[in-house]
Protein backbone atom coordinates (compact mmCIF):
# COMPACT_ATOMS: atom_id res chain seq x y z
CA UNK A 1 0.00 0.00 0.00
CA UNK A 2 2.75 2.43 0.91
CA UNK A 3 4.60 1.78 -2.36
CA UNK A 4 1.49 2.65 -4.40
CA UNK A 5 1.07 5.90 -2.51
CA UNK A 6 4.76 6.78 -2.85
CA UNK A 7 4.63 6.00 -6.58
CA UNK A 8 1.60 8.23 -7.03
CA UNK A 9 3.22 11.10 -5.10
CA UNK A 10 6.42 10.75 -7.13
CA UNK A 11 4.42 10.71 -10.37
CA UNK A 12 2.50 13.86 -9.40
CA UNK A 13 5.70 15.63 -8.35
CA UNK A 14 7.33 14.85 -11.70
CA UNK A 15 4.19 15.84 -13.59
CA UNK A 16 3.98 19.21 -11.82
CA UNK A 17 7.71 19.95 -11.84
CA UNK A 18 7.42 22.05 -15.01
CA UNK A 19 4.43 24.05 -13.80
CA UNK A 20 4.84 27.80 -13.29
CA UNK A 21 2.42 30.53 -12.24
CA UNK A 22 1.77 33.90 -13.85
CA UNK A 23 1.27 36.33 -10.97
CA UNK A 24 -0.59 39.62 -11.34
CA UNK A 25 0.47 42.26 -8.80
CA UNK A 26 -1.69 45.16 -7.66
CA UNK A 27 -0.85 48.68 -8.78
CA UNK A 28 -2.29 52.15 -8.22
CA UNK A 29 -2.58 53.10 -11.87
CA UNK A 30 -4.70 50.69 -13.91
CA UNK A 31 -8.47 50.58 -13.60
CA UNK A 32 -10.37 47.48 -12.61
CA UNK A 33 -12.01 47.30 -16.05
CA UNK A 34 -8.69 47.75 -17.90
CA UNK A 35 -7.03 44.93 -15.95
CA UNK A 36 -10.05 42.67 -16.37
CA UNK A 37 -10.21 43.30 -20.14
CA UNK A 38 -6.47 42.64 -20.45
CA UNK A 39 -6.84 39.27 -18.70
CA UNK A 40 -9.70 38.33 -21.03
CA UNK A 41 -7.74 39.27 -24.15
CA UNK A 42 -4.27 37.99 -23.24
CA UNK A 43 -4.97 35.08 -20.87
CA UNK A 44 -8.28 34.08 -22.51
CA UNK A 45 -10.16 34.36 -19.21
CA UNK A 46 -13.94 34.46 -19.13
CA UNK A 47 -15.43 37.73 -17.91
CA UNK A 48 -16.19 36.22 -14.50
CA UNK A 49 -12.73 34.69 -14.14
CA UNK A 50 -11.02 37.95 -15.14
CA UNK A 51 -13.12 39.94 -12.67
CA UNK A 52 -12.39 37.47 -9.86
CA UNK A 53 -8.64 37.61 -10.51
CA UNK A 54 -8.76 41.41 -10.64
CA UNK A 55 -10.76 41.54 -7.40
CA UNK A 56 -8.34 39.20 -5.60
CA UNK A 57 -5.35 41.18 -6.87
CA UNK A 58 -6.89 44.46 -5.73
CA UNK A 59 -7.68 43.23 -2.21
CA UNK A 60 -4.87 40.73 -1.53
CA UNK A 61 -2.10 42.38 -3.53
CA UNK A 62 -1.48 39.59 -6.02
CA UNK A 63 -3.15 36.65 -7.71
CA UNK A 64 -1.94 33.72 -9.79
CA UNK A 65 -3.91 34.31 -12.98
CA UNK A 66 -2.55 31.43 -15.06
CA UNK A 67 -0.50 28.28 -14.62
CA UNK A 68 1.41 26.28 -17.19
CA UNK A 69 4.73 25.91 -18.96
CA UNK A 70 7.15 28.77 -18.50
CA UNK A 71 7.53 29.48 -22.23
CA UNK A 72 3.76 29.95 -22.66
CA UNK A 73 3.47 32.13 -19.57
CA UNK A 74 6.42 34.24 -20.68
CA UNK A 75 4.53 35.29 -23.82
CA UNK A 76 1.53 36.34 -21.73
CA UNK A 77 3.77 38.14 -19.23
CA UNK A 78 5.35 40.19 -22.01
CA UNK A 79 1.97 41.15 -23.46
CA UNK A 80 0.59 42.14 -20.07
CA UNK A 81 3.77 44.16 -19.35
CA UNK A 82 3.31 46.02 -22.64
CA UNK A 83 -0.15 46.98 -21.37
CA UNK A 84 1.41 48.39 -18.22
CA UNK A 85 0.44 45.61 -15.82
CA UNK A 86 2.80 44.42 -13.09
CA UNK A 87 3.26 40.66 -13.58
CA UNK A 88 5.84 38.01 -12.72
CA UNK A 89 6.38 34.27 -13.09
CA UNK A 90 6.96 31.95 -10.13
CA UNK A 91 7.63 28.25 -9.74
PDB file of N, CA and C in Angstrom:
ATOM      1  N   UNK A   1       0.819  -1.196   0.000  1.00  0.00           N
ATOM      2  CA  UNK A   1       0.000   0.000   0.000  1.00  0.00           C
ATOM      3  C   UNK A   1       0.862   1.259   0.000  1.00  0.00           C
ATOM      4  N   UNK A   2       1.891   1.263   0.823  1.00  0.00           N
ATOM      5  CA  UNK A   2       2.754   2.432   0.914  1.00  0.00           C
ATOM      6  C   UNK A   2       3.471   2.678  -0.410  1.00  0.00           C
ATOM      7  N   UNK A   3       3.908   1.618  -1.088  1.00  0.00           N
ATOM      8  CA  UNK A   3       4.598   1.777  -2.365  1.00  0.00           C
ATOM      9  C   UNK A   3       3.700   2.426  -3.409  1.00  0.00           C
ATOM     10  N   UNK A   4       2.426   2.049  -3.442  1.00  0.00           N
ATOM     11  CA  UNK A   4       1.492   2.646  -4.404  1.00  0.00           C
ATOM     12  C   UNK A   4       1.336   4.138  -4.143  1.00  0.00           C
ATOM     13  N   UNK A   5       1.222   4.492  -2.873  1.00  0.00           N
ATOM     14  CA  UNK A   5       1.075   5.897  -2.514  1.00  0.00           C
ATOM     15  C   UNK A   5       2.340   6.676  -2.855  1.00  0.00           C
ATOM     16  N   UNK A   6       3.493   6.119  -2.529  1.00  0.00           N
ATOM     17  CA  UNK A   6       4.760   6.778  -2.855  1.00  0.00           C
ATOM     18  C   UNK A   6       4.916   6.945  -4.360  1.00  0.00           C
ATOM     19  N   UNK A   7       4.549   5.919  -5.121  1.00  0.00           N
ATOM     20  CA  UNK A   7       4.635   6.004  -6.577  1.00  0.00           C
ATOM     21  C   UNK A   7       3.730   7.105  -7.122  1.00  0.00           C
ATOM     22  N   UNK A   8       2.533   7.201  -6.569  1.00  0.00           N
ATOM     23  CA  UNK A   8       1.596   8.230  -7.028  1.00  0.00           C
ATOM     24  C   UNK A   8       2.123   9.624  -6.696  1.00  0.00           C
ATOM     25  N   UNK A   9       2.656   9.808  -5.498  1.00  0.00           N
ATOM     26  CA  UNK A   9       3.220  11.099  -5.098  1.00  0.00           C
ATOM     27  C   UNK A   9       4.394  11.457  -5.997  1.00  0.00           C
ATOM     28  N   UNK A  10       5.276  10.502  -6.252  1.00  0.00           N
ATOM     29  CA  UNK A  10       6.421  10.750  -7.133  1.00  0.00           C
ATOM     30  C   UNK A  10       5.968  11.116  -8.536  1.00  0.00           C
ATOM     31  N   UNK A  11       4.953  10.423  -9.042  1.00  0.00           N
ATOM     32  CA  UNK A  11       4.417  10.714 -10.372  1.00  0.00           C
ATOM     33  C   UNK A  11       3.867  12.136 -10.432  1.00  0.00           C
ATOM     34  N   UNK A  12       3.087  12.513  -9.422  1.00  0.00           N
ATOM     35  CA  UNK A  12       2.501  13.856  -9.402  1.00  0.00           C
ATOM     36  C   UNK A  12       3.571  14.931  -9.270  1.00  0.00           C
ATOM     37  N   UNK A  13       4.602  14.671  -8.485  1.00  0.00           N
ATOM     38  CA  UNK A  13       5.696  15.631  -8.350  1.00  0.00           C
ATOM     39  C   UNK A  13       6.418  15.835  -9.675  1.00  0.00           C
ATOM     40  N   UNK A  14       6.673  14.742 -10.401  1.00  0.00           N
ATOM     41  CA  UNK A  14       7.329  14.847 -11.703  1.00  0.00           C
ATOM     42  C   UNK A  14       6.426  15.559 -12.702  1.00  0.00           C
ATOM     43  N   UNK A  15       5.151  15.242 -12.659  1.00  0.00           N
ATOM     44  CA  UNK A  15       4.187  15.837 -13.590  1.00  0.00           C
ATOM     45  C   UNK A  15       4.088  17.349 -13.382  1.00  0.00           C
ATOM     46  N   UNK A  16       4.130  17.798 -12.134  1.00  0.00           N
ATOM     47  CA  UNK A  16       3.979  19.214 -11.822  1.00  0.00           C
ATOM     48  C   UNK A  16       5.298  19.973 -11.750  1.00  0.00           C
ATOM     49  N   UNK A  17       6.412  19.304 -11.999  1.00  0.00           N
ATOM     50  CA  UNK A  17       7.709  19.954 -11.842  1.00  0.00           C
ATOM     51  C   UNK A  17       7.930  21.068 -12.853  1.00  0.00           C
ATOM     52  N   UNK A  18       7.262  21.015 -13.999  1.00  0.00           N
ATOM     53  CA  UNK A  18       7.423  22.049 -15.009  1.00  0.00           C
ATOM     54  C   UNK A  18       6.328  23.098 -14.974  1.00  0.00           C
ATOM     55  N   UNK A  19       5.551  23.120 -13.899  1.00  0.00           N
ATOM     56  CA  UNK A  19       4.430  24.049 -13.797  1.00  0.00           C
ATOM     57  C   UNK A  19       4.891  25.357 -13.147  1.00  0.00           C
ATOM     58  N   UNK A  20       4.547  26.459 -13.802  1.00  0.00           N
ATOM     59  CA  UNK A  20       4.843  27.797 -13.295  1.00  0.00           C
ATOM     60  C   UNK A  20       3.539  28.578 -13.178  1.00  0.00           C
ATOM     61  N   UNK A  21       3.597  29.689 -12.454  1.00  0.00           N
ATOM     62  CA  UNK A  21       2.421  30.526 -12.240  1.00  0.00           C
ATOM     63  C   UNK A  21       2.691  31.948 -12.724  1.00  0.00           C
ATOM     64  N   UNK A  22       1.733  32.506 -13.439  1.00  0.00           N
ATOM     65  CA  UNK A  22       1.774  33.901 -13.850  1.00  0.00           C
ATOM     66  C   UNK A  22       1.058  34.699 -12.764  1.00  0.00           C
ATOM     67  N   UNK A  23       1.788  35.584 -12.112  1.00  0.00           N
ATOM     68  CA  UNK A  23       1.273  36.329 -10.971  1.00  0.00           C
ATOM     69  C   UNK A  23       1.002  37.776 -11.379  1.00  0.00           C
ATOM     70  N   UNK A  24      -0.212  38.228 -11.130  1.00  0.00           N
ATOM     71  CA  UNK A  24      -0.586  39.624 -11.341  1.00  0.00           C
ATOM     72  C   UNK A  24      -0.463  40.345 -10.008  1.00  0.00           C
ATOM     73  N   UNK A  25       0.265  41.469 -10.012  1.00  0.00           N
ATOM     74  CA  UNK A  25       0.472  42.264  -8.798  1.00  0.00           C
ATOM     75  C   UNK A  25      -0.368  43.535  -8.867  1.00  0.00           C
ATOM     76  N   UNK A  26      -0.868  43.950  -7.730  1.00  0.00           N
ATOM     77  CA  UNK A  26      -1.691  45.158  -7.659  1.00  0.00           C
ATOM     78  C   UNK A  26      -0.852  46.397  -7.965  1.00  0.00           C
ATOM     79  N   UNK A  27      -1.482  47.380  -8.575  1.00  0.00           N
ATOM     80  CA  UNK A  27      -0.845  48.678  -8.783  1.00  0.00           C
ATOM     81  C   UNK A  27      -1.865  49.779  -8.511  1.00  0.00           C
ATOM     82  N   UNK A  28      -1.409  51.014  -8.523  1.00  0.00           N
ATOM     83  CA  UNK A  28      -2.287  52.148  -8.220  1.00  0.00           C
ATOM     84  C   UNK A  28      -2.717  52.890  -9.478  1.00  0.00           C
ATOM     85  N   UNK A  29      -2.403  52.346 -10.640  1.00  0.00           N
ATOM     86  CA  UNK A  29      -2.580  53.101 -11.873  1.00  0.00           C
ATOM     87  C   UNK A  29      -3.690  52.571 -12.775  1.00  0.00           C
ATOM     88  N   UNK A  30      -3.757  51.273 -12.949  1.00  0.00           N
ATOM     89  CA  UNK A  30      -4.696  50.691 -13.910  1.00  0.00           C
ATOM     90  C   UNK A  30      -6.074  50.488 -13.288  1.00  0.00           C
ATOM     91  N   UNK A  31      -7.103  50.744 -14.093  1.00  0.00           N
ATOM     92  CA  UNK A  31      -8.469  50.580 -13.601  1.00  0.00           C
ATOM     93  C   UNK A  31      -8.848  49.104 -13.551  1.00  0.00           C
ATOM     94  N   UNK A  32      -9.839  48.835 -12.746  1.00  0.00           N
ATOM     95  CA  UNK A  32     -10.373  47.477 -12.606  1.00  0.00           C
ATOM     96  C   UNK A  32     -10.783  46.929 -13.971  1.00  0.00           C
ATOM     97  N   UNK A  33     -11.505  47.731 -14.739  1.00  0.00           N
ATOM     98  CA  UNK A  33     -12.007  47.304 -16.053  1.00  0.00           C
ATOM     99  C   UNK A  33     -10.855  47.052 -17.024  1.00  0.00           C
ATOM    100  N   UNK A  34      -9.839  47.905 -17.014  1.00  0.00           N
ATOM    101  CA  UNK A  34      -8.692  47.750 -17.903  1.00  0.00           C
ATOM    102  C   UNK A  34      -7.959  46.441 -17.615  1.00  0.00           C
ATOM    103  N   UNK A  35      -7.727  46.171 -16.341  1.00  0.00           N
ATOM    104  CA  UNK A  35      -7.034  44.934 -15.953  1.00  0.00           C
ATOM    105  C   UNK A  35      -7.872  43.722 -16.341  1.00  0.00           C
ATOM    106  N   UNK A  36      -9.147  43.771 -16.046  1.00  0.00           N
ATOM    107  CA  UNK A  36     -10.053  42.668 -16.373  1.00  0.00           C
ATOM    108  C   UNK A  36     -10.086  42.404 -17.880  1.00  0.00           C
ATOM    109  N   UNK A  37     -10.214  43.455 -18.673  1.00  0.00           N
ATOM    110  CA  UNK A  37     -10.210  43.300 -20.136  1.00  0.00           C
ATOM    111  C   UNK A  37      -8.893  42.730 -20.640  1.00  0.00           C
ATOM    112  N   UNK A  38      -7.784  43.154 -20.052  1.00  0.00           N
ATOM    113  CA  UNK A  38      -6.468  42.637 -20.447  1.00  0.00           C
ATOM    114  C   UNK A  38      -6.363  41.138 -20.175  1.00  0.00           C
ATOM    115  N   UNK A  39      -6.871  40.699 -19.032  1.00  0.00           N
ATOM    116  CA  UNK A  39      -6.842  39.270 -18.704  1.00  0.00           C
ATOM    117  C   UNK A  39      -7.710  38.466 -19.666  1.00  0.00           C
ATOM    118  N   UNK A  40      -8.839  39.027 -20.075  1.00  0.00           N
ATOM    119  CA  UNK A  40      -9.703  38.326 -21.031  1.00  0.00           C
ATOM    120  C   UNK A  40      -9.018  38.214 -22.390  1.00  0.00           C
ATOM    121  N   UNK A  41      -8.368  39.272 -22.836  1.00  0.00           N
ATOM    122  CA  UNK A  41      -7.737  39.274 -24.151  1.00  0.00           C
ATOM    123  C   UNK A  41      -6.446  38.458 -24.195  1.00  0.00           C
ATOM    124  N   UNK A  42      -5.593  38.626 -23.214  1.00  0.00           N
ATOM    125  CA  UNK A  42      -4.271  37.989 -23.236  1.00  0.00           C
ATOM    126  C   UNK A  42      -4.306  36.569 -22.673  1.00  0.00           C
ATOM    127  N   UNK A  43      -4.962  36.383 -21.543  1.00  0.00           N
ATOM    128  CA  UNK A  43      -4.970  35.078 -20.871  1.00  0.00           C
ATOM    129  C   UNK A  43      -6.178  34.227 -21.250  1.00  0.00           C
ATOM    130  N   UNK A  44      -7.074  34.788 -22.049  1.00  0.00           N
ATOM    131  CA  UNK A  44      -8.282  34.080 -22.506  1.00  0.00           C
ATOM    132  C   UNK A  44      -9.201  33.702 -21.345  1.00  0.00           C
ATOM    133  N   UNK A  45      -9.246  34.571 -20.324  1.00  0.00           N
ATOM    134  CA  UNK A  45     -10.164  34.355 -19.206  1.00  0.00           C
ATOM    135  C   UNK A  45     -11.588  34.692 -19.633  1.00  0.00           C
ATOM    136  N   UNK A  46     -12.543  34.044 -18.987  1.00  0.00           N
ATOM    137  CA  UNK A  46     -13.939  34.463 -19.134  1.00  0.00           C
ATOM    138  C   UNK A  46     -14.092  35.790 -18.386  1.00  0.00           C
ATOM    139  N   UNK A  47     -15.198  36.453 -18.602  1.00  0.00           N
ATOM    140  CA  UNK A  47     -15.427  37.728 -17.911  1.00  0.00           C
ATOM    141  C   UNK A  47     -15.440  37.536 -16.394  1.00  0.00           C
ATOM    142  N   UNK A  48     -16.109  36.493 -15.945  1.00  0.00           N
ATOM    143  CA  UNK A  48     -16.189  36.216 -14.504  1.00  0.00           C
ATOM    144  C   UNK A  48     -14.810  35.901 -13.934  1.00  0.00           C
ATOM    145  N   UNK A  49     -14.061  35.061 -14.619  1.00  0.00           N
ATOM    146  CA  UNK A  49     -12.729  34.689 -14.143  1.00  0.00           C
ATOM    147  C   UNK A  49     -11.812  35.911 -14.078  1.00  0.00           C
ATOM    148  N   UNK A  50     -11.857  36.746 -15.105  1.00  0.00           N
ATOM    149  CA  UNK A  50     -11.022  37.948 -15.136  1.00  0.00           C
ATOM    150  C   UNK A  50     -11.392  38.893 -13.995  1.00  0.00           C
ATOM    151  N   UNK A  51     -12.675  39.065 -13.758  1.00  0.00           N
ATOM    152  CA  UNK A  51     -13.118  39.941 -12.674  1.00  0.00           C
ATOM    153  C   UNK A  51     -12.710  39.395 -11.312  1.00  0.00           C
ATOM    154  N   UNK A  52     -12.796  38.082 -11.135  1.00  0.00           N
ATOM    155  CA  UNK A  52     -12.390  37.473  -9.863  1.00  0.00           C
ATOM    156  C   UNK A  52     -10.894  37.662  -9.619  1.00  0.00           C
ATOM    157  N   UNK A  53     -10.088  37.429 -10.647  1.00  0.00           N
ATOM    158  CA  UNK A  53      -8.638  37.610 -10.511  1.00  0.00           C
ATOM    159  C   UNK A  53      -8.303  39.068 -10.206  1.00  0.00           C
ATOM    160  N   UNK A  54      -8.987  39.984 -10.871  1.00  0.00           N
ATOM    161  CA  UNK A  54      -8.762  41.411 -10.638  1.00  0.00           C
ATOM    162  C   UNK A  54      -9.166  41.791  -9.215  1.00  0.00           C
ATOM    163  N   UNK A  55     -10.282  41.277  -8.756  1.00  0.00           N
ATOM    164  CA  UNK A  55     -10.764  41.540  -7.398  1.00  0.00           C
ATOM    165  C   UNK A  55      -9.768  41.020  -6.360  1.00  0.00           C
ATOM    166  N   UNK A  56      -9.315  39.792  -6.534  1.00  0.00           N
ATOM    167  CA  UNK A  56      -8.340  39.198  -5.604  1.00  0.00           C
ATOM    168  C   UNK A  56      -7.062  40.020  -5.590  1.00  0.00           C
ATOM    169  N   UNK A  57      -6.578  40.384  -6.773  1.00  0.00           N
ATOM    170  CA  UNK A  57      -5.350  41.178  -6.870  1.00  0.00           C
ATOM    171  C   UNK A  57      -5.514  42.511  -6.148  1.00  0.00           C
ATOM    172  N   UNK A  58      -6.642  43.155  -6.344  1.00  0.00           N
ATOM    173  CA  UNK A  58      -6.894  44.462  -5.727  1.00  0.00           C
ATOM    174  C   UNK A  58      -6.906  44.372  -4.201  1.00  0.00           C
ATOM    175  N   UNK A  59      -7.513  43.327  -3.663  1.00  0.00           N
ATOM    176  CA  UNK A  59      -7.682  43.228  -2.210  1.00  0.00           C
ATOM    177  C   UNK A  59      -6.556  42.484  -1.498  1.00  0.00           C
ATOM    178  N   UNK A  60      -5.939  41.519  -2.153  1.00  0.00           N
ATOM    179  CA  UNK A  60      -4.875  40.727  -1.525  1.00  0.00           C
ATOM    180  C   UNK A  60      -3.487  41.268  -1.894  1.00  0.00           C
ATOM    181  N   UNK A  61      -3.381  41.846  -3.084  1.00  0.00           N
ATOM    182  CA  UNK A  61      -2.097  42.382  -3.529  1.00  0.00           C
ATOM    183  C   UNK A  61      -1.507  41.635  -4.703  1.00  0.00           C
ATOM    184  N   UNK A  62      -1.935  40.389  -4.879  1.00  0.00           N
ATOM    185  CA  UNK A  62      -1.475  39.593  -6.019  1.00  0.00           C
ATOM    186  C   UNK A  62      -2.391  38.392  -6.205  1.00  0.00           C
ATOM    187  N   UNK A  63      -2.323  37.818  -7.408  1.00  0.00           N
ATOM    188  CA  UNK A  63      -3.147  36.647  -7.712  1.00  0.00           C
ATOM    189  C   UNK A  63      -2.469  35.858  -8.820  1.00  0.00           C
ATOM    190  N   UNK A  64      -2.446  34.532  -8.685  1.00  0.00           N
ATOM    191  CA  UNK A  64      -1.938  33.719  -9.791  1.00  0.00           C
ATOM    192  C   UNK A  64      -3.071  33.590 -10.811  1.00  0.00           C
ATOM    193  N   UNK A  65      -2.864  34.213 -11.966  1.00  0.00           N
ATOM    194  CA  UNK A  65      -3.914  34.311 -12.977  1.00  0.00           C
ATOM    195  C   UNK A  65      -3.839  33.210 -14.027  1.00  0.00           C
ATOM    196  N   UNK A  66      -2.716  32.504 -14.074  1.00  0.00           N
ATOM    197  CA  UNK A  66      -2.555  31.427 -15.057  1.00  0.00           C
ATOM    198  C   UNK A  66      -1.455  30.500 -14.572  1.00  0.00           C
ATOM    199  N   UNK A  67      -1.579  29.213 -14.905  1.00  0.00           N
ATOM    200  CA  UNK A  67      -0.495  28.280 -14.621  1.00  0.00           C
ATOM    201  C   UNK A  67      -0.213  27.483 -15.877  1.00  0.00           C
ATOM    202  N   UNK A  68       1.045  27.052 -16.014  1.00  0.00           N
ATOM    203  CA  UNK A  68       1.414  26.279 -17.191  1.00  0.00           C
ATOM    204  C   UNK A  68       2.911  26.250 -17.390  1.00  0.00           C
ATOM    205  N   UNK A  69       3.309  25.956 -18.621  1.00  0.00           N
ATOM    206  CA  UNK A  69       4.730  25.907 -18.957  1.00  0.00           C
ATOM    207  C   UNK A  69       5.287  27.320 -19.014  1.00  0.00           C
ATOM    208  N   UNK A  70       6.534  27.452 -18.596  1.00  0.00           N
ATOM    209  CA  UNK A  70       7.153  28.771 -18.495  1.00  0.00           C
ATOM    210  C   UNK A  70       7.159  29.505 -19.831  1.00  0.00           C
ATOM    211  N   UNK A  71       7.440  28.805 -20.930  1.00  0.00           N
ATOM    212  CA  UNK A  71       7.531  29.481 -22.232  1.00  0.00           C
ATOM    213  C   UNK A  71       6.190  30.083 -22.639  1.00  0.00           C
ATOM    214  N   UNK A  72       5.090  29.414 -22.342  1.00  0.00           N
ATOM    215  CA  UNK A  72       3.762  29.948 -22.659  1.00  0.00           C
ATOM    216  C   UNK A  72       3.419  31.145 -21.772  1.00  0.00           C
ATOM    217  N   UNK A  73       3.754  31.038 -20.501  1.00  0.00           N
ATOM    218  CA  UNK A  73       3.470  32.129 -19.572  1.00  0.00           C
ATOM    219  C   UNK A  73       4.318  33.352 -19.874  1.00  0.00           C
ATOM    220  N   UNK A  74       5.525  33.125 -20.364  1.00  0.00           N
ATOM    221  CA  UNK A  74       6.423  34.239 -20.683  1.00  0.00           C
ATOM    222  C   UNK A  74       5.830  35.123 -21.776  1.00  0.00           C
ATOM    223  N   UNK A  75       5.182  34.515 -22.757  1.00  0.00           N
ATOM    224  CA  UNK A  75       4.531  35.288 -23.818  1.00  0.00           C
ATOM    225  C   UNK A  75       3.413  36.155 -23.243  1.00  0.00           C
ATOM    226  N   UNK A  76       2.613  35.582 -22.357  1.00  0.00           N
ATOM    227  CA  UNK A  76       1.530  36.343 -21.728  1.00  0.00           C
ATOM    228  C   UNK A  76       2.087  37.445 -20.836  1.00  0.00           C
ATOM    229  N   UNK A  77       3.149  37.138 -20.106  1.00  0.00           N
ATOM    230  CA  UNK A  77       3.768  38.136 -19.226  1.00  0.00           C
ATOM    231  C   UNK A  77       4.223  39.348 -20.038  1.00  0.00           C
ATOM    232  N   UNK A  78       4.869  39.089 -21.169  1.00  0.00           N
ATOM    233  CA  UNK A  78       5.351  40.189 -22.013  1.00  0.00           C
ATOM    234  C   UNK A  78       4.197  41.048 -22.523  1.00  0.00           C
ATOM    235  N   UNK A  79       3.123  40.406 -22.953  1.00  0.00           N
ATOM    236  CA  UNK A  79       1.966  41.153 -23.463  1.00  0.00           C
ATOM    237  C   UNK A  79       1.303  41.980 -22.362  1.00  0.00           C
ATOM    238  N   UNK A  80       1.192  41.405 -21.178  1.00  0.00           N
ATOM    239  CA  UNK A  80       0.594  42.143 -20.068  1.00  0.00           C
ATOM    240  C   UNK A  80       1.493  43.299 -19.630  1.00  0.00           C
ATOM    241  N   UNK A  81       2.811  43.095 -19.675  1.00  0.00           N
ATOM    242  CA  UNK A  81       3.770  44.163 -19.348  1.00  0.00           C
ATOM    243  C   UNK A  81       3.634  45.319 -20.326  1.00  0.00           C
ATOM    244  N   UNK A  82       3.485  44.987 -21.620  1.00  0.00           N
ATOM    245  CA  UNK A  82       3.308  46.020 -22.645  1.00  0.00           C
ATOM    246  C   UNK A  82       2.088  46.880 -22.318  1.00  0.00           C
ATOM    247  N   UNK A  83       1.071  46.263 -21.746  1.00  0.00           N
ATOM    248  CA  UNK A  83      -0.154  46.984 -21.375  1.00  0.00           C
ATOM    249  C   UNK A  83      -0.010  47.735 -20.051  1.00  0.00           C
ATOM    250  N   UNK A  84       1.159  47.640 -19.446  1.00  0.00           N
ATOM    251  CA  UNK A  84       1.405  48.389 -18.217  1.00  0.00           C
ATOM    252  C   UNK A  84       1.041  47.670 -16.938  1.00  0.00           C
ATOM    253  N   UNK A  85       0.777  46.369 -17.023  1.00  0.00           N
ATOM    254  CA  UNK A  85       0.443  45.609 -15.820  1.00  0.00           C
ATOM    255  C   UNK A  85       1.711  45.070 -15.168  1.00  0.00           C
ATOM    256  N   UNK A  86       1.668  44.920 -13.864  1.00  0.00           N
ATOM    257  CA  UNK A  86       2.797  44.415 -13.093  1.00  0.00           C
ATOM    258  C   UNK A  86       2.610  42.910 -12.902  1.00  0.00           C
ATOM    259  N   UNK A  87       3.398  42.113 -13.621  1.00  0.00           N
ATOM    260  CA  UNK A  87       3.263  40.657 -13.581  1.00  0.00           C
ATOM    261  C   UNK A  87       4.624  39.999 -13.429  1.00  0.00           C
ATOM    262  N   UNK A  88       4.618  38.796 -12.872  1.00  0.00           N
ATOM    263  CA  UNK A  88       5.838  38.009 -12.721  1.00  0.00           C
ATOM    264  C   UNK A  88       5.501  36.535 -12.896  1.00  0.00           C
ATOM    265  N   UNK A  89       6.544  35.725 -12.986  1.00  0.00           N
ATOM    266  CA  UNK A  89       6.379  34.270 -13.092  1.00  0.00           C
ATOM    267  C   UNK A  89       7.087  33.631 -11.909  1.00  0.00           C
ATOM    268  N   UNK A  90       6.397  32.684 -11.268  1.00  0.00           N
ATOM    269  CA  UNK A  90       6.964  31.948 -10.134  1.00  0.00           C
ATOM    270  C   UNK A  90       6.809  30.456 -10.345  1.00  0.00           C
ATOM    271  N   UNK A  91       7.687  29.721  -9.739  1.00  0.00           N
ATOM    272  CA  UNK A  91       7.633  28.254  -9.737  1.00  0.00           C
ATOM    273  C   UNK A  91       6.630  27.809  -8.718  1.00  0.00           C
TER     274      UNK A  91
END
